[in-house]
């Protein structure tokens, strides 16, 4: 399933443009690789910001309680995956 692409119009410094083009050139980049690189960078940065927000929001939470919550969530996801695999 291919996602619909949305065209962005962005501005970056000339130095950033040259740095990215040079890097991609050394990697044997093909058409579209710049867009893929930028999309991956944006996704990583959003994830990083989300994790930082979660850490800040839970800074006062007891570590043992947090571990219990994480373990419970992981167990639920694993059980759900197992039931889907058995059904499929």
PDB file of N, CA and C in Angstrom:
ATOM      1  N   UNK A   1       0.845  -1.180   0.000  1.00  0.00           N
ATOM      2  CA  UNK A   1       0.000   0.000   0.000  1.00  0.00           C
ATOM      3  C   UNK A   1       0.895   1.249   0.000  1.00  0.00           C
ATOM      4  N   UNK A   2       0.831   2.007  -1.041  1.00  0.00           N
ATOM      5  CA  UNK A   2       1.654   3.205  -1.196  1.00  0.00           C
ATOM      6  C   UNK A   2       0.909   4.429  -0.679  1.00  0.00           C
ATOM      7  N   UNK A   3       1.609   5.219   0.128  1.00  0.00           N
ATOM      8  CA  UNK A   3       1.008   6.444   0.642  1.00  0.00           C
ATOM      9  C   UNK A   3       1.024   7.522  -0.422  1.00  0.00           C
ATOM     10  N   UNK A   4       0.024   8.374  -0.381  1.00  0.00           N
ATOM     11  CA  UNK A   4      -0.033   9.493  -1.305  1.00  0.00           C
ATOM     12  C   UNK A   4       1.025  10.517  -0.902  1.00  0.00           C
ATOM     13  N   UNK A   5       1.814  10.962  -1.858  1.00  0.00           N
ATOM     14  CA  UNK A   5       2.863  11.946  -1.590  1.00  0.00           C
ATOM     15  C   UNK A   5       2.278  13.353  -1.582  1.00  0.00           C
ATOM     16  N   UNK A   6       2.838  14.179  -0.729  1.00  0.00           N
ATOM     17  CA  UNK A   6       2.444  15.583  -0.639  1.00  0.00           C
ATOM     18  C   UNK A   6       3.692  16.409  -0.938  1.00  0.00           C
ATOM     19  N   UNK A   7       3.549  17.381  -1.809  1.00  0.00           N
ATOM     20  CA  UNK A   7       4.692  18.202  -2.185  1.00  0.00           C
ATOM     21  C   UNK A   7       4.882  19.308  -1.157  1.00  0.00           C
ATOM     22  N   UNK A   8       6.126  19.454  -0.687  1.00  0.00           N
ATOM     23  CA  UNK A   8       6.492  20.520   0.239  1.00  0.00           C
ATOM     24  C   UNK A   8       7.322  21.547  -0.504  1.00  0.00           C
ATOM     25  N   UNK A   9       7.201  22.748  -0.092  1.00  0.00           N
ATOM     26  CA  UNK A   9       8.077  23.801  -0.588  1.00  0.00           C
ATOM     27  C   UNK A   9       8.817  24.323   0.631  1.00  0.00           C
ATOM     28  N   UNK A  10      10.107  24.010   0.717  1.00  0.00           N
ATOM     29  CA  UNK A  10      10.888  24.379   1.891  1.00  0.00           C
ATOM     30  C   UNK A  10      12.128  25.160   1.475  1.00  0.00           C
ATOM     31  N   UNK A  11      12.691  25.872   2.431  1.00  0.00           N
ATOM     32  CA  UNK A  11      13.936  26.590   2.204  1.00  0.00           C
ATOM     33  C   UNK A  11      14.960  26.102   3.206  1.00  0.00           C
ATOM     34  N   UNK A  12      16.154  25.841   2.722  1.00  0.00           N
ATOM     35  CA  UNK A  12      17.286  25.492   3.575  1.00  0.00           C
ATOM     36  C   UNK A  12      18.473  26.327   3.131  1.00  0.00           C
ATOM     37  N   UNK A  13      19.465  26.411   3.989  1.00  0.00           N
ATOM     38  CA  UNK A  13      20.654  27.178   3.621  1.00  0.00           C
ATOM     39  C   UNK A  13      21.379  26.491   2.467  1.00  0.00           C
ATOM     40  N   UNK A  14      22.139  27.271   1.734  1.00  0.00           N
ATOM     41  CA  UNK A  14      22.913  26.720   0.613  1.00  0.00           C
ATOM     42  C   UNK A  14      23.886  25.658   1.125  1.00  0.00           C
ATOM     43  N   UNK A  15      24.471  25.907   2.295  1.00  0.00           N
ATOM     44  CA  UNK A  15      25.412  24.958   2.880  1.00  0.00           C
ATOM     45  C   UNK A  15      24.729  23.621   3.182  1.00  0.00           C
ATOM     46  N   UNK A  16      23.517  23.669   3.756  1.00  0.00           N
ATOM     47  CA  UNK A  16      22.778  22.441   4.043  1.00  0.00           C
ATOM     48  C   UNK A  16      22.453  21.696   2.757  1.00  0.00           C
ATOM     49  N   UNK A  17      22.033  22.414   1.742  1.00  0.00           N
ATOM     50  CA  UNK A  17      21.716  21.808   0.453  1.00  0.00           C
ATOM     51  C   UNK A  17      22.937  21.102  -0.125  1.00  0.00           C
ATOM     52  N   UNK A  18      24.069  21.799  -0.140  1.00  0.00           N
ATOM     53  CA  UNK A  18      25.288  21.205  -0.706  1.00  0.00           C
ATOM     54  C   UNK A  18      25.767  20.011   0.116  1.00  0.00           C
ATOM     55  N   UNK A  19      25.659  20.129   1.432  1.00  0.00           N
ATOM     56  CA  UNK A  19      26.076  19.028   2.297  1.00  0.00           C
ATOM     57  C   UNK A  19      25.244  17.782   2.032  1.00  0.00           C
ATOM     58  N   UNK A  20      23.929  17.955   1.952  1.00  0.00           N
ATOM     59  CA  UNK A  20      23.049  16.812   1.704  1.00  0.00           C
ATOM     60  C   UNK A  20      23.278  16.231   0.317  1.00  0.00           C
ATOM     61  N   UNK A  21      23.377  17.086  -0.685  1.00  0.00           N
ATOM     62  CA  UNK A  21      23.608  16.585  -2.051  1.00  0.00           C
ATOM     63  C   UNK A  21      24.940  15.845  -2.145  1.00  0.00           C
ATOM     64  N   UNK A  22      25.966  16.383  -1.492  1.00  0.00           N
ATOM     65  CA  UNK A  22      27.284  15.722  -1.506  1.00  0.00           C
ATOM     66  C   UNK A  22      27.212  14.367  -0.810  1.00  0.00           C
ATOM     67  N   UNK A  23      26.570  14.344   0.335  1.00  0.00           N
ATOM     68  CA  UNK A  23      26.449  13.082   1.067  1.00  0.00           C
ATOM     69  C   UNK A  23      25.701  12.046   0.229  1.00  0.00           C
ATOM     70  N   UNK A  24      24.554  12.427  -0.293  1.00  0.00           N
ATOM     71  CA  UNK A  24      23.770  11.487  -1.094  1.00  0.00           C
ATOM     72  C   UNK A  24      24.539  11.044  -2.337  1.00  0.00           C
ATOM     73  N   UNK A  25      25.321  11.959  -2.906  1.00  0.00           N
ATOM     74  CA  UNK A  25      26.135  11.605  -4.067  1.00  0.00           C
ATOM     75  C   UNK A  25      27.154  10.521  -3.746  1.00  0.00           C
ATOM     76  N   UNK A  26      27.742  10.595  -2.550  1.00  0.00           N
ATOM     77  CA  UNK A  26      28.721   9.573  -2.158  1.00  0.00           C
ATOM     78  C   UNK A  26      28.053   8.233  -1.883  1.00  0.00           C
ATOM     79  N   UNK A  27      26.739   8.252  -1.668  1.00  0.00           N
ATOM     80  CA  UNK A  27      25.996   7.023  -1.386  1.00  0.00           C
ATOM     81  C   UNK A  27      25.370   6.422  -2.640  1.00  0.00           C
ATOM     82  N   UNK A  28      25.653   7.040  -3.790  1.00  0.00           N
ATOM     83  CA  UNK A  28      25.080   6.547  -5.044  1.00  0.00           C
ATOM     84  C   UNK A  28      23.589   6.827  -5.142  1.00  0.00           C
ATOM     85  N   UNK A  29      23.193   7.987  -4.680  1.00  0.00           N
ATOM     86  CA  UNK A  29      21.779   8.347  -4.617  1.00  0.00           C
ATOM     87  C   UNK A  29      21.117   8.335  -5.988  1.00  0.00           C
ATOM     88  N   UNK A  30      19.832   7.994  -5.946  1.00  0.00           N
ATOM     89  CA  UNK A  30      19.001   8.002  -7.144  1.00  0.00           C
ATOM     90  C   UNK A  30      17.938   9.075  -6.987  1.00  0.00           C
ATOM     91  N   UNK A  31      17.197   9.303  -8.048  1.00  0.00           N
ATOM     92  CA  UNK A  31      16.115  10.284  -8.006  1.00  0.00           C
ATOM     93  C   UNK A  31      15.149   9.927  -6.877  1.00  0.00           C
ATOM     94  N   UNK A  32      14.787  10.903  -6.089  1.00  0.00           N
ATOM     95  CA  UNK A  32      13.864  10.693  -4.989  1.00  0.00           C
ATOM     96  C   UNK A  32      14.528  10.406  -3.657  1.00  0.00           C
ATOM     97  N   UNK A  33      15.841  10.142  -3.673  1.00  0.00           N
ATOM     98  CA  UNK A  33      16.524   9.817  -2.423  1.00  0.00           C
ATOM     99  C   UNK A  33      16.607  11.013  -1.472  1.00  0.00           C
ATOM    100  N   UNK A  34      16.642  12.219  -2.011  1.00  0.00           N
ATOM    101  CA  UNK A  34      16.670  13.402  -1.150  1.00  0.00           C
ATOM    102  C   UNK A  34      15.361  13.492  -0.367  1.00  0.00           C
ATOM    103  N   UNK A  35      14.261  13.280  -1.043  1.00  0.00           N
ATOM    104  CA  UNK A  35      12.963  13.300  -0.362  1.00  0.00           C
ATOM    105  C   UNK A  35      12.872  12.205   0.695  1.00  0.00           C
ATOM    106  N   UNK A  36      13.349  11.015   0.372  1.00  0.00           N
ATOM    107  CA  UNK A  36      13.332   9.914   1.332  1.00  0.00           C
ATOM    108  C   UNK A  36      14.188  10.242   2.549  1.00  0.00           C
ATOM    109  N   UNK A  37      15.359  10.851   2.311  1.00  0.00           N
ATOM    110  CA  UNK A  37      16.252  11.224   3.398  1.00  0.00           C
ATOM    111  C   UNK A  37      15.571  12.228   4.322  1.00  0.00           C
ATOM    112  N   UNK A  38      14.945  13.236   3.732  1.00  0.00           N
ATOM    113  CA  UNK A  38      14.277  14.274   4.519  1.00  0.00           C
ATOM    114  C   UNK A  38      13.104  13.681   5.288  1.00  0.00           C
ATOM    115  N   UNK A  39      12.322  12.813   4.659  1.00  0.00           N
ATOM    116  CA  UNK A  39      11.192  12.206   5.342  1.00  0.00           C
ATOM    117  C   UNK A  39      11.654  11.385   6.537  1.00  0.00           C
ATOM    118  N   UNK A  40      12.721  10.599   6.350  1.00  0.00           N
ATOM    119  CA  UNK A  40      13.250   9.804   7.460  1.00  0.00           C
ATOM    120  C   UNK A  40      13.765  10.706   8.576  1.00  0.00           C
ATOM    121  N   UNK A  41      14.440  11.795   8.222  1.00  0.00           N
ATOM    122  CA  UNK A  41      14.953  12.732   9.229  1.00  0.00           C
ATOM    123  C   UNK A  41      13.811  13.359  10.025  1.00  0.00           C
ATOM    124  N   UNK A  42      12.742  13.725   9.345  1.00  0.00           N
ATOM    125  CA  UNK A  42      11.586  14.324  10.026  1.00  0.00           C
ATOM    126  C   UNK A  42      10.952  13.307  10.963  1.00  0.00           C
ATOM    127  N   UNK A  43      10.782  12.074  10.496  1.00  0.00           N
ATOM    128  CA  UNK A  43      10.182  11.041  11.344  1.00  0.00           C
ATOM    129  C   UNK A  43      11.031  10.789  12.589  1.00  0.00           C
ATOM    130  N   UNK A  44      12.351  10.724  12.414  1.00  0.00           N
ATOM    131  CA  UNK A  44      13.244  10.507  13.558  1.00  0.00           C
ATOM    132  C   UNK A  44      13.165  11.662  14.553  1.00  0.00           C
ATOM    133  N   UNK A  45      13.117  12.882  14.037  1.00  0.00           N
ATOM    134  CA  UNK A  45      13.068  14.052  14.919  1.00  0.00           C
ATOM    135  C   UNK A  45      11.746  14.109  15.674  1.00  0.00           C
ATOM    136  N   UNK A  46      10.656  13.791  15.003  1.00  0.00           N
ATOM    137  CA  UNK A  46       9.354  13.769  15.676  1.00  0.00           C
ATOM    138  C   UNK A  46       9.360  12.704  16.773  1.00  0.00           C
ATOM    139  N   UNK A  47       9.895  11.528  16.480  1.00  0.00           N
ATOM    140  CA  UNK A  47       9.987  10.473  17.482  1.00  0.00           C
ATOM    141  C   UNK A  47      10.841  10.932  18.664  1.00  0.00           C
ATOM    142  N   UNK A  48      11.982  11.543  18.363  1.00  0.00           N
ATOM    143  CA  UNK A  48      12.874  12.032  19.417  1.00  0.00           C
ATOM    144  C   UNK A  48      12.158  13.052  20.308  1.00  0.00           C
ATOM    145  N   UNK A  49      11.445  13.989  19.715  1.00  0.00           N
ATOM    146  CA  UNK A  49      10.703  15.000  20.488  1.00  0.00           C
ATOM    147  C   UNK A  49       9.597  14.352  21.314  1.00  0.00           C
ATOM    148  N   UNK A  50       8.927  13.363  20.743  1.00  0.00           N
ATOM    149  CA  UNK A  50       7.867  12.657  21.460  1.00  0.00           C
ATOM    150  C   UNK A  50       8.432  11.947  22.685  1.00  0.00           C
ATOM    151  N   UNK A  51       9.562  11.267  22.505  1.00  0.00           N
ATOM    152  CA  UNK A  51      10.191  10.562  23.626  1.00  0.00           C
ATOM    153  C   UNK A  51      10.612  11.559  24.710  1.00  0.00           C
ATOM    154  N   UNK A  52      11.199  12.681  24.310  1.00  0.00           N
ATOM    155  CA  UNK A  52      11.600  13.693  25.290  1.00  0.00           C
ATOM    156  C   UNK A  52      10.391  14.224  26.048  1.00  0.00           C
ATOM    157  N   UNK A  53       9.290  14.449  25.354  1.00  0.00           N
ATOM    158  CA  UNK A  53       8.067  14.917  26.005  1.00  0.00           C
ATOM    159  C   UNK A  53       7.554  13.891  27.020  1.00  0.00           C
ATOM    160  N   UNK A  54       7.598  12.623  26.637  1.00  0.00           N
ATOM    161  CA  UNK A  54       7.134  11.564  27.537  1.00  0.00           C
ATOM    162  C   UNK A  54       8.026  11.485  28.769  1.00  0.00           C
ATOM    163  N   UNK A  55       9.346  11.549  28.561  1.00  0.00           N
ATOM    164  CA  UNK A  55      10.279  11.531  29.695  1.00  0.00           C
ATOM    165  C   UNK A  55       9.988  12.688  30.651  1.00  0.00           C
ATOM    166  N   UNK A  56       9.798  13.878  30.105  1.00  0.00           N
ATOM    167  CA  UNK A  56       9.534  15.058  30.932  1.00  0.00           C
ATOM    168  C   UNK A  56       8.209  14.912  31.681  1.00  0.00           C
ATOM    169  N   UNK A  57       7.197  14.420  30.992  1.00  0.00           N
ATOM    170  CA  UNK A  57       5.876  14.270  31.588  1.00  0.00           C
ATOM    171  C   UNK A  57       5.877  13.250  32.721  1.00  0.00           C
ATOM    172  N   UNK A  58       6.784  12.270  32.645  1.00  0.00           N
ATOM    173  CA  UNK A  58       6.813  11.191  33.632  1.00  0.00           C
ATOM    174  C   UNK A  58       8.016  11.260  34.569  1.00  0.00           C
ATOM    175  N   UNK A  59       8.670  12.405  34.612  1.00  0.00           N
ATOM    176  CA  UNK A  59       9.887  12.546  35.415  1.00  0.00           C
ATOM    177  C   UNK A  59       9.651  12.247  36.894  1.00  0.00           C
ATOM    178  N   UNK A  60       8.456  12.528  37.388  1.00  0.00           N
ATOM    179  CA  UNK A  60       8.163  12.324  38.811  1.00  0.00           C
ATOM    180  C   UNK A  60       7.539  10.965  39.115  1.00  0.00           C
ATOM    181  N   UNK A  61       7.396  10.136  38.094  1.00  0.00           N
ATOM    182  CA  UNK A  61       6.779   8.825  38.289  1.00  0.00           C
ATOM    183  C   UNK A  61       7.792   7.864  38.897  1.00  0.00           C
ATOM    184  N   UNK A  62       7.314   7.056  39.821  1.00  0.00           N
ATOM    185  CA  UNK A  62       8.157   6.051  40.455  1.00  0.00           C
ATOM    186  C   UNK A  62       8.680   5.075  39.390  1.00  0.00           C
ATOM    187  N   UNK A  63       9.979   4.845  39.338  1.00  0.00           N
ATOM    188  CA  UNK A  63      10.545   3.951  38.305  1.00  0.00           C
ATOM    189  C   UNK A  63       9.949   2.545  38.324  1.00  0.00           C
ATOM    190  N   UNK A  64       9.680   1.999  39.503  1.00  0.00           N
ATOM    191  CA  UNK A  64       9.096   0.652  39.572  1.00  0.00           C
ATOM    192  C   UNK A  64       7.682   0.641  39.005  1.00  0.00           C
ATOM    193  N   UNK A  65       6.921   1.693  39.294  1.00  0.00           N
ATOM    194  CA  UNK A  65       5.561   1.808  38.753  1.00  0.00           C
ATOM    195  C   UNK A  65       5.608   1.950  37.229  1.00  0.00           C
ATOM    196  N   UNK A  66       6.554   2.756  36.746  1.00  0.00           N
ATOM    197  CA  UNK A  66       6.703   2.939  35.296  1.00  0.00           C
ATOM    198  C   UNK A  66       7.059   1.613  34.629  1.00  0.00           C
ATOM    199  N   UNK A  67       7.956   0.845  35.234  1.00  0.00           N
ATOM    200  CA  UNK A  67       8.338  -0.447  34.666  1.00  0.00           C
ATOM    201  C   UNK A  67       7.145  -1.394  34.644  1.00  0.00           C
ATOM    202  N   UNK A  68       6.317  -1.366  35.680  1.00  0.00           N
ATOM    203  CA  UNK A  68       5.128  -2.203  35.724  1.00  0.00           C
ATOM    204  C   UNK A  68       4.175  -1.843  34.588  1.00  0.00           C
ATOM    205  N   UNK A  69       4.001  -0.546  34.359  1.00  0.00           N
ATOM    206  CA  UNK A  69       3.115  -0.081  33.283  1.00  0.00           C
ATOM    207  C   UNK A  69       3.648  -0.522  31.921  1.00  0.00           C
ATOM    208  N   UNK A  70       4.948  -0.372  31.718  1.00  0.00           N
ATOM    209  CA  UNK A  70       5.562  -0.767  30.440  1.00  0.00           C
ATOM    210  C   UNK A  70       5.433  -2.272  30.238  1.00  0.00           C
ATOM    211  N   UNK A  71       5.746  -3.040  31.274  1.00  0.00           N
ATOM    212  CA  UNK A  71       5.657  -4.502  31.166  1.00  0.00           C
ATOM    213  C   UNK A  71       4.236  -4.949  30.841  1.00  0.00           C
ATOM    214  N   UNK A  72       3.263  -4.311  31.478  1.00  0.00           N
ATOM    215  CA  UNK A  72       1.861  -4.647  31.226  1.00  0.00           C
ATOM    216  C   UNK A  72       1.478  -4.333  29.779  1.00  0.00           C
ATOM    217  N   UNK A  73       1.899  -3.176  29.281  1.00  0.00           N
ATOM    218  CA  UNK A  73       1.574  -2.783  27.903  1.00  0.00           C
ATOM    219  C   UNK A  73       2.226  -3.736  26.901  1.00  0.00           C
ATOM    220  N   UNK A  74       3.488  -4.098  27.153  1.00  0.00           N
ATOM    221  CA  UNK A  74       4.189  -5.021  26.255  1.00  0.00           C
ATOM    222  C   UNK A  74       3.494  -6.383  26.244  1.00  0.00           C
ATOM    223  N   UNK A  75       3.098  -6.848  27.405  1.00  0.00           N
ATOM    224  CA  UNK A  75       2.395  -8.140  27.487  1.00  0.00           C
ATOM    225  C   UNK A  75       1.090  -8.113  26.704  1.00  0.00           C
ATOM    226  N   UNK A  76       0.347  -7.017  26.816  1.00  0.00           N
ATOM    227  CA  UNK A  76      -0.918  -6.896  26.083  1.00  0.00           C
ATOM    228  C   UNK A  76      -0.690  -6.921  24.569  1.00  0.00           C
ATOM    229  N   UNK A  77       0.319  -6.197  24.109  1.00  0.00           N
ATOM    230  CA  UNK A  77       0.608  -6.153  22.670  1.00  0.00           C
ATOM    231  C   UNK A  77       1.043  -7.528  22.183  1.00  0.00           C
ATOM    232  N   UNK A  78       1.897  -8.199  22.947  1.00  0.00           N
ATOM    233  CA  UNK A  78       2.351  -9.535  22.545  1.00  0.00           C
ATOM    234  C   UNK A  78       1.176 -10.519  22.489  1.00  0.00           C
ATOM    235  N   UNK A  79       0.296 -10.452  23.463  1.00  0.00           N
ATOM    236  CA  UNK A  79      -0.869 -11.348  23.475  1.00  0.00           C
ATOM    237  C   UNK A  79      -1.766 -11.076  22.266  1.00  0.00           C
ATOM    238  N   UNK A  80      -1.945  -9.807  21.953  1.00  0.00           N
ATOM    239  CA  UNK A  80      -2.762  -9.438  20.794  1.00  0.00           C
ATOM    240  C   UNK A  80      -2.136  -9.956  19.501  1.00  0.00           C
ATOM    241  N   UNK A  81      -0.826  -9.816  19.378  1.00  0.00           N
ATOM    242  CA  UNK A  81      -0.137 -10.307  18.163  1.00  0.00           C
ATOM    243  C   UNK A  81      -0.255 -11.827  18.050  1.00  0.00           C
ATOM    244  N   UNK A  82      -0.091 -12.513  19.173  1.00  0.00           N
ATOM    245  CA  UNK A  82      -0.190 -13.965  19.150  1.00  0.00           C
ATOM    246  C   UNK A  82      -1.578 -14.415  18.709  1.00  0.00           C
ATOM    247  N   UNK A  83      -2.618 -13.729  19.217  1.00  0.00           N
ATOM    248  CA  UNK A  83      -3.975 -14.125  18.844  1.00  0.00           C
ATOM    249  C   UNK A  83      -4.245 -13.834  17.367  1.00  0.00           C
ATOM    250  N   UNK A  84      -3.660 -12.747  16.842  1.00  0.00           N
ATOM    251  CA  UNK A  84      -3.822 -12.436  15.417  1.00  0.00           C
ATOM    252  C   UNK A  84      -3.083 -13.462  14.554  1.00  0.00           C
ATOM    253  N   UNK A  85      -1.906 -13.894  15.007  1.00  0.00           N
ATOM    254  CA  UNK A  85      -1.148 -14.884  14.240  1.00  0.00           C
ATOM    255  C   UNK A  85      -1.868 -16.221  14.203  1.00  0.00           C
ATOM    256  N   UNK A  86      -2.485 -16.601  15.327  1.00  0.00           N
ATOM    257  CA  UNK A  86      -3.228 -17.857  15.369  1.00  0.00           C
ATOM    258  C   UNK A  86      -4.469 -17.795  14.491  1.00  0.00           C
ATOM    259  N   UNK A  87      -5.107 -16.615  14.464  1.00  0.00           N
ATOM    260  CA  UNK A  87      -6.316 -16.439  13.650  1.00  0.00           C
ATOM    261  C   UNK A  87      -5.982 -16.379  12.159  1.00  0.00           C
ATOM    262  N   UNK A  88      -4.778 -15.862  11.843  1.00  0.00           N
ATOM    263  CA  UNK A  88      -4.412 -15.685  10.432  1.00  0.00           C
ATOM    264  C   UNK A  88      -3.686 -16.810   9.915  1.00  0.00           C
TER     265      UNK A  88
END
